[in-house]
Amino acid sequence: MANLTLVYGLRLLPSEEVAEVGDATLKLKNGNEAHVTMHVLEGSKKEIEKQLKNSLDAFFDFYPEI
């Protein structure tokens, strides 16, 4: 299997400060664009860590061939 690249971003903000979250756009070497859906997790540090782990585990479930 070819090497893969996981693209992600994290930023921690006070929950009352976030008004809107949009997609991130990637520019590929072949000239095409790809889009990354941004996800929002809210709660305490412990709750966010648990949600993030569950989200990451679920992400890889989409790609059983990896």
N, C-alpha and C. Protein backbone atom coordinates (compact mmCIF):
# COMPACT_ATOMS: atom_id res chain seq x y z
N MET A 1 0.84 -1.18 0.00
CA MET A 1 0.00 0.00 0.00
C MET A 1 0.89 1.24 0.00
N ALA A 2 0.45 2.26 -0.70
CA ALA A 2 1.19 3.52 -0.77
C ALA A 2 1.16 4.23 0.58
N ASN A 3 2.14 5.09 0.80
CA ASN A 3 2.10 5.94 1.98
C ASN A 3 0.91 6.87 1.90
N LEU A 4 0.36 7.21 3.03
CA LEU A 4 -0.82 8.06 3.11
C LEU A 4 -0.49 9.36 3.83
N THR A 5 -1.32 10.36 3.66
CA THR A 5 -1.20 11.61 4.39
C THR A 5 -2.54 11.88 5.08
N LEU A 6 -2.51 12.06 6.38
CA LEU A 6 -3.71 12.44 7.13
C LEU A 6 -3.65 13.95 7.35
N VAL A 7 -4.65 14.66 6.86
CA VAL A 7 -4.70 16.11 7.01
C VAL A 7 -5.72 16.44 8.10
N TYR A 8 -5.30 17.19 9.08
CA TYR A 8 -6.23 17.59 10.13
C TYR A 8 -5.76 18.90 10.75
N GLY A 9 -6.64 19.55 11.46
CA GLY A 9 -6.30 20.77 12.16
C GLY A 9 -7.03 20.81 13.49
N LEU A 10 -6.41 21.43 14.44
CA LEU A 10 -7.02 21.56 15.76
C LEU A 10 -6.89 22.99 16.25
N ARG A 11 -7.89 23.47 16.89
CA ARG A 11 -7.83 24.78 17.54
C ARG A 11 -8.82 24.75 18.68
N LEU A 12 -8.38 25.13 19.85
CA LEU A 12 -9.24 25.12 21.03
C LEU A 12 -9.64 26.55 21.35
N LEU A 13 -10.95 26.80 21.38
CA LEU A 13 -11.51 28.12 21.63
C LEU A 13 -12.62 28.03 22.67
N PRO A 14 -12.93 29.11 23.35
CA PRO A 14 -14.11 29.11 24.22
C PRO A 14 -15.35 28.83 23.37
N SER A 15 -16.22 27.96 23.83
CA SER A 15 -17.36 27.52 23.00
C SER A 15 -18.26 28.68 22.60
N GLU A 16 -18.38 29.70 23.41
CA GLU A 16 -19.25 30.83 23.06
C GLU A 16 -18.65 31.74 21.99
N GLU A 17 -17.39 31.53 21.63
CA GLU A 17 -16.72 32.35 20.62
C GLU A 17 -16.95 31.85 19.18
N VAL A 18 -17.33 30.59 19.01
CA VAL A 18 -17.43 30.00 17.67
C VAL A 18 -18.80 30.30 17.08
N ALA A 19 -18.79 30.98 15.92
CA ALA A 19 -20.04 31.33 15.24
C ALA A 19 -20.32 30.42 14.06
N GLU A 20 -19.26 30.00 13.35
CA GLU A 20 -19.44 29.21 12.13
C GLU A 20 -18.15 28.48 11.81
N VAL A 21 -18.30 27.27 11.25
CA VAL A 21 -17.15 26.47 10.82
C VAL A 21 -17.40 26.04 9.38
N GLY A 22 -16.42 26.26 8.51
CA GLY A 22 -16.55 25.87 7.11
C GLY A 22 -15.54 24.79 6.75
N ASP A 23 -15.61 24.32 5.52
CA ASP A 23 -14.67 23.32 5.03
C ASP A 23 -13.31 23.96 4.78
N ALA A 24 -12.27 23.16 4.86
CA ALA A 24 -10.93 23.58 4.47
C ALA A 24 -10.67 23.06 3.06
N THR A 25 -9.97 23.84 2.25
CA THR A 25 -9.67 23.45 0.88
C THR A 25 -8.20 23.09 0.75
N LEU A 26 -7.93 21.96 0.11
CA LEU A 26 -6.57 21.51 -0.15
C LEU A 26 -6.30 21.63 -1.64
N LYS A 27 -5.13 22.06 -1.99
CA LYS A 27 -4.71 22.08 -3.39
C LYS A 27 -3.78 20.89 -3.61
N LEU A 28 -4.13 20.04 -4.58
CA LEU A 28 -3.36 18.83 -4.86
C LEU A 28 -2.31 19.11 -5.93
N LYS A 29 -1.27 18.31 -5.96
CA LYS A 29 -0.18 18.49 -6.93
C LYS A 29 -0.65 18.40 -8.37
N ASN A 30 -1.74 17.65 -8.60
CA ASN A 30 -2.25 17.50 -9.98
C ASN A 30 -3.11 18.69 -10.41
N GLY A 31 -3.22 19.71 -9.54
CA GLY A 31 -4.00 20.89 -9.86
C GLY A 31 -5.43 20.86 -9.35
N ASN A 32 -5.90 19.70 -8.93
CA ASN A 32 -7.26 19.58 -8.39
C ASN A 32 -7.32 20.11 -6.97
N GLU A 33 -8.54 20.27 -6.49
CA GLU A 33 -8.77 20.64 -5.10
C GLU A 33 -9.51 19.51 -4.41
N ALA A 34 -9.28 19.39 -3.12
CA ALA A 34 -10.01 18.45 -2.27
C ALA A 34 -10.51 19.25 -1.07
N HIS A 35 -11.55 18.78 -0.45
CA HIS A 35 -12.12 19.50 0.68
C HIS A 35 -12.10 18.61 1.92
N VAL A 36 -11.84 19.23 3.05
CA VAL A 36 -11.80 18.55 4.33
C VAL A 36 -12.95 19.10 5.17
N THR A 37 -13.82 18.23 5.61
CA THR A 37 -14.90 18.64 6.48
C THR A 37 -14.34 18.87 7.88
N MET A 38 -14.62 20.03 8.41
CA MET A 38 -14.16 20.35 9.76
C MET A 38 -15.21 19.85 10.75
N HIS A 39 -14.76 19.38 11.89
CA HIS A 39 -15.65 18.86 12.91
C HIS A 39 -15.51 19.69 14.18
N VAL A 40 -16.58 19.81 14.92
CA VAL A 40 -16.59 20.57 16.16
C VAL A 40 -16.90 19.62 17.31
N LEU A 41 -16.05 19.64 18.32
CA LEU A 41 -16.26 18.86 19.54
C LEU A 41 -16.32 19.83 20.70
N GLU A 42 -17.31 19.67 21.55
CA GLU A 42 -17.47 20.57 22.69
C GLU A 42 -17.58 19.77 23.97
N GLY A 43 -17.19 20.38 25.06
CA GLY A 43 -17.29 19.75 26.37
C GLY A 43 -16.06 20.04 27.19
N SER A 44 -15.90 19.28 28.23
CA SER A 44 -14.71 19.41 29.08
C SER A 44 -13.51 18.80 28.35
N LYS A 45 -12.33 19.03 28.87
CA LYS A 45 -11.12 18.45 28.27
C LYS A 45 -11.26 16.94 28.12
N LYS A 46 -11.74 16.30 29.17
CA LYS A 46 -11.90 14.84 29.14
C LYS A 46 -12.94 14.41 28.10
N GLU A 47 -14.05 15.13 28.01
CA GLU A 47 -15.09 14.80 27.04
C GLU A 47 -14.59 15.00 25.61
N ILE A 48 -13.86 16.09 25.38
CA ILE A 48 -13.33 16.35 24.04
C ILE A 48 -12.32 15.27 23.65
N GLU A 49 -11.45 14.89 24.57
CA GLU A 49 -10.47 13.84 24.28
C GLU A 49 -11.16 12.53 23.91
N LYS A 50 -12.22 12.18 24.65
CA LYS A 50 -12.97 10.95 24.37
C LYS A 50 -13.65 11.02 23.00
N GLN A 51 -14.29 12.16 22.71
CA GLN A 51 -14.96 12.34 21.42
C GLN A 51 -13.96 12.29 20.27
N LEU A 52 -12.79 12.91 20.47
CA LEU A 52 -11.76 12.92 19.43
C LEU A 52 -11.26 11.51 19.14
N LYS A 53 -11.01 10.74 20.18
CA LYS A 53 -10.56 9.35 19.99
C LYS A 53 -11.63 8.54 19.26
N ASN A 54 -12.89 8.68 19.68
CA ASN A 54 -13.98 7.95 19.01
C ASN A 54 -14.11 8.37 17.55
N SER A 55 -13.96 9.67 17.28
CA SER A 55 -14.05 10.17 15.91
C SER A 55 -12.92 9.62 15.05
N LEU A 56 -11.72 9.59 15.59
CA LEU A 56 -10.58 9.06 14.85
C LEU A 56 -10.75 7.57 14.58
N ASP A 57 -11.20 6.82 15.57
CA ASP A 57 -11.45 5.39 15.37
C ASP A 57 -12.50 5.17 14.29
N ALA A 58 -13.57 5.96 14.32
CA ALA A 58 -14.64 5.82 13.33
C ALA A 58 -14.14 6.20 11.94
N PHE A 59 -13.27 7.20 11.85
CA PHE A 59 -12.73 7.61 10.56
C PHE A 59 -12.03 6.44 9.88
N PHE A 60 -11.21 5.72 10.62
CA PHE A 60 -10.49 4.59 10.02
C PHE A 60 -11.40 3.41 9.72
N ASP A 61 -12.56 3.34 10.35
CA ASP A 61 -13.54 2.30 10.01
C ASP A 61 -14.06 2.49 8.58
N PHE A 62 -14.02 3.73 8.05
CA PHE A 62 -14.43 4.00 6.67
C PHE A 62 -13.46 3.39 5.66
N TYR A 63 -12.25 3.10 6.11
CA TYR A 63 -11.20 2.61 5.22
C TYR A 63 -10.66 1.27 5.73
N PRO A 64 -11.45 0.21 5.67
CA PRO A 64 -11.01 -1.08 6.22
C PRO A 64 -9.82 -1.67 5.48
N GLU A 65 -9.54 -1.19 4.26
CA GLU A 65 -8.42 -1.72 3.50
C GLU A 65 -7.08 -1.22 4.02
N ILE A 66 -7.09 -0.23 4.89
CA ILE A 66 -5.82 0.31 5.43
C ILE A 66 -5.29 -0.62 6.50
